[in-house]
Every structure is written in C-alpha cells, then in structure tokens.
C-alpha atoms as a PDB file:
ATOM      1  CA  MET A   1       0.000   0.000   0.000  1.00  0.00           C
ATOM      2  CA  TYR A   2       2.778   2.448   0.899  1.00  0.00           C
ATOM      3  CA  THR A   3       5.775   2.375  -1.363  1.00  0.00           C
ATOM      4  CA  ASN A   4       8.897   4.473  -1.565  1.00  0.00           C
ATOM      5  CA  SER A   5       8.043   5.295  -5.183  1.00  0.00           C
ATOM      6  CA  MET A   6       4.727   6.865  -4.138  1.00  0.00           C
ATOM      7  CA  LYS A   7       4.453  10.534  -5.019  1.00  0.00           C
ATOM      8  CA  PRO A   8       3.760  13.015  -2.201  1.00  0.00           C
ATOM      9  CA  ASN A   9       0.451  14.123  -3.715  1.00  0.00           C
ATOM     10  CA  GLU A  10      -0.709  10.492  -3.858  1.00  0.00           C
ATOM     11  CA  ALA A  11       0.281  10.055  -0.211  1.00  0.00           C
ATOM     12  CA  ILE A  12      -1.662  13.160   0.804  1.00  0.00           C
ATOM     13  CA  GLY A  13      -4.684  11.922  -1.171  1.00  0.00           C
ATOM     14  CA  GLN A  14      -4.650   8.630   0.704  1.00  0.00           C
ATOM     15  CA  ALA A  15      -4.236  10.460   4.005  1.00  0.00           C
ATOM     16  CA  LYS A  16      -7.287  12.603   3.185  1.00  0.00           C
ATOM     17  CA  ALA A  17      -9.305   9.441   2.557  1.00  0.00           C
ATOM     18  CA  ILE A  18      -8.170   7.972   5.883  1.00  0.00           C
ATOM     19  CA  VAL A  19      -9.094  11.155   7.755  1.00  0.00           C
ATOM     20  CA  ALA A  20     -12.493  11.203   6.026  1.00  0.00           C
ATOM     21  CA  ALA A  21     -13.076   7.619   7.161  1.00  0.00           C
ATOM     22  CA  MET A  22     -12.118   8.615  10.695  1.00  0.00           C
ATOM     23  CA  LYS A  23     -14.553  11.532  10.670  1.00  0.00           C
ATOM     24  CA  MET A  24     -17.355   9.222   9.484  1.00  0.00           C
ATOM     25  CA  GLY A  25     -16.627   6.848  12.356  1.00  0.00           C
ATOM     26  CA  TYR A  26     -15.097   3.921  10.490  1.00  0.00           C
ATOM     27  CA  LEU A  27     -11.699   4.364  12.202  1.00  0.00           C
ATOM     28  CA  THR A  28     -10.631   5.556  15.612  1.00  0.00           C
ATOM     29  CA  TYR A  29      -8.235   8.472  15.994  1.00  0.00           C
ATOM     30  CA  ASP A  30      -5.339   6.173  16.899  1.00  0.00           C
ATOM     31  CA  GLU A  31      -5.983   3.809  13.971  1.00  0.00           C
ATOM     32  CA  ALA A  32      -6.140   6.702  11.512  1.00  0.00           C
ATOM     33  CA  LYS A  33      -2.978   8.239  12.958  1.00  0.00           C
ATOM     34  CA  ALA A  34      -1.088   4.947  12.636  1.00  0.00           C
ATOM     35  CA  LYS A  35      -2.149   4.614   8.984  1.00  0.00           C
ATOM     36  CA  CYS A  36      -1.269   8.230   8.121  1.00  0.00           C
ATOM     37  CA  LEU A  37       2.194   8.472   9.668  1.00  0.00           C
ATOM     38  CA  PRO A  38       3.996   6.527   6.873  1.00  0.00           C
ATOM     39  CA  LEU A  39       2.216   8.708   4.319  1.00  0.00           C
ATOM     40  CA  PHE A  40       3.296  11.878   6.078  1.00  0.00           C
ATOM     41  CA  ASP A  41       6.891  10.612   6.110  1.00  0.00           C
ATOM     42  CA  ILE A  42       6.768  10.427   2.298  1.00  0.00           C
ATOM     43  CA  ALA A  43       5.360  13.946   1.989  1.00  0.00           C
ATOM     44  CA  ASN A  44       7.621  15.437   4.681  1.00  0.00           C
ATOM     45  CA  LYS A  45      10.700  14.077   2.938  1.00  0.00           C
ATOM     46  CA  ARG A  46       9.755  15.929  -0.236  1.00  0.00           C
ATOM     47  CA  ILE A  47       8.852  19.062   1.751  1.00  0.00           C
ATOM     48  CA  SER A  48      12.334  19.026   3.294  1.00  0.00           C
ATOM     49  CA  GLU A  49      13.966  18.702  -0.128  1.00  0.00           C
ATOM     50  CA  ILE A  50      12.036  21.663  -1.521  1.00  0.00           C
ATOM     51  CA  ALA A  51      12.697  23.798   1.571  1.00  0.00           C
ATOM     52  CA  LYS A  52      16.413  23.062   1.402  1.00  0.00           C
ATOM     53  CA  LYS A  53      16.464  23.963  -2.298  1.00  0.00           C
ATOM     54  CA  TYR A  54      14.988  27.405  -1.607  1.00  0.00           C
ATOM     55  CA  ASN A  55      16.778  27.919   1.732  1.00  0.00           C
ATOM     56  CA  LYS A  56      13.547  28.132   3.722  1.00  0.00           C
ATOM     57  CA  PRO A  57      12.357  26.354   6.868  1.00  0.00           C
ATOM     58  CA  ALA A  58      10.457  23.125   6.280  1.00  0.00           C
ATOM     59  CA  TYR A  59       6.911  23.136   7.632  1.00  0.00           C
ATOM     60  CA  LYS A  60       6.217  19.485   8.294  1.00  0.00           C
ATOM     61  CA  ILE A  61       2.788  17.873   8.233  1.00  0.00           C
ATOM     62  CA  SER A  62       1.503  16.468  11.519  1.00  0.00           C
ATOM     63  CA  PHE A  63      -1.576  14.340  12.007  1.00  0.00           C
ATOM     64  CA  SER A  64      -3.217  16.682  14.490  1.00  0.00           C
ATOM     65  CA  SER A  65      -3.049  19.645  12.108  1.00  0.00           C
ATOM     66  CA  PHE A  66      -4.006  17.567   9.071  1.00  0.00           C
ATOM     67  CA  ALA A  67      -7.067  16.002  10.698  1.00  0.00           C
ATOM     68  CA  ARG A  68      -8.733  19.315  11.561  1.00  0.00           C
END
C-alpha cells in the first residue's frame, strides 16, 4: 500500500481518505494516525527537499493539524 516510489500528492490523497473515514466513524483516531504516519513521512521528505532547495524552513505535516 505504501511504497517508496509513491508521489507526495498520492500520499496526501490517501491520508485525506483515511481522515475522512475517521470523521465518518469507520476508524478511531489512533488507527487513523497509525495509517497516516507513513504517508506523512513520504510527503515530509519531499517538503524538506524543496525547503532546502529554496533555503527556507520546512513546515512538516503532523496528524493533528491535518485532521482538523
């Protein structure tokens, strides 16, 4: 399901689907968080690369901010 070749926008799309399932009651908060963390690692890695390229601070994605 989660591969290293997955693009960051695909990872964020899957994370959005997981959060939507959590909000509908199909998953608990902890289950959704556990499923999203590997996806956020993929996106955060790319965020760090872009931030380093432009000499800016990297604003990482966290589950608590994403699930709002």
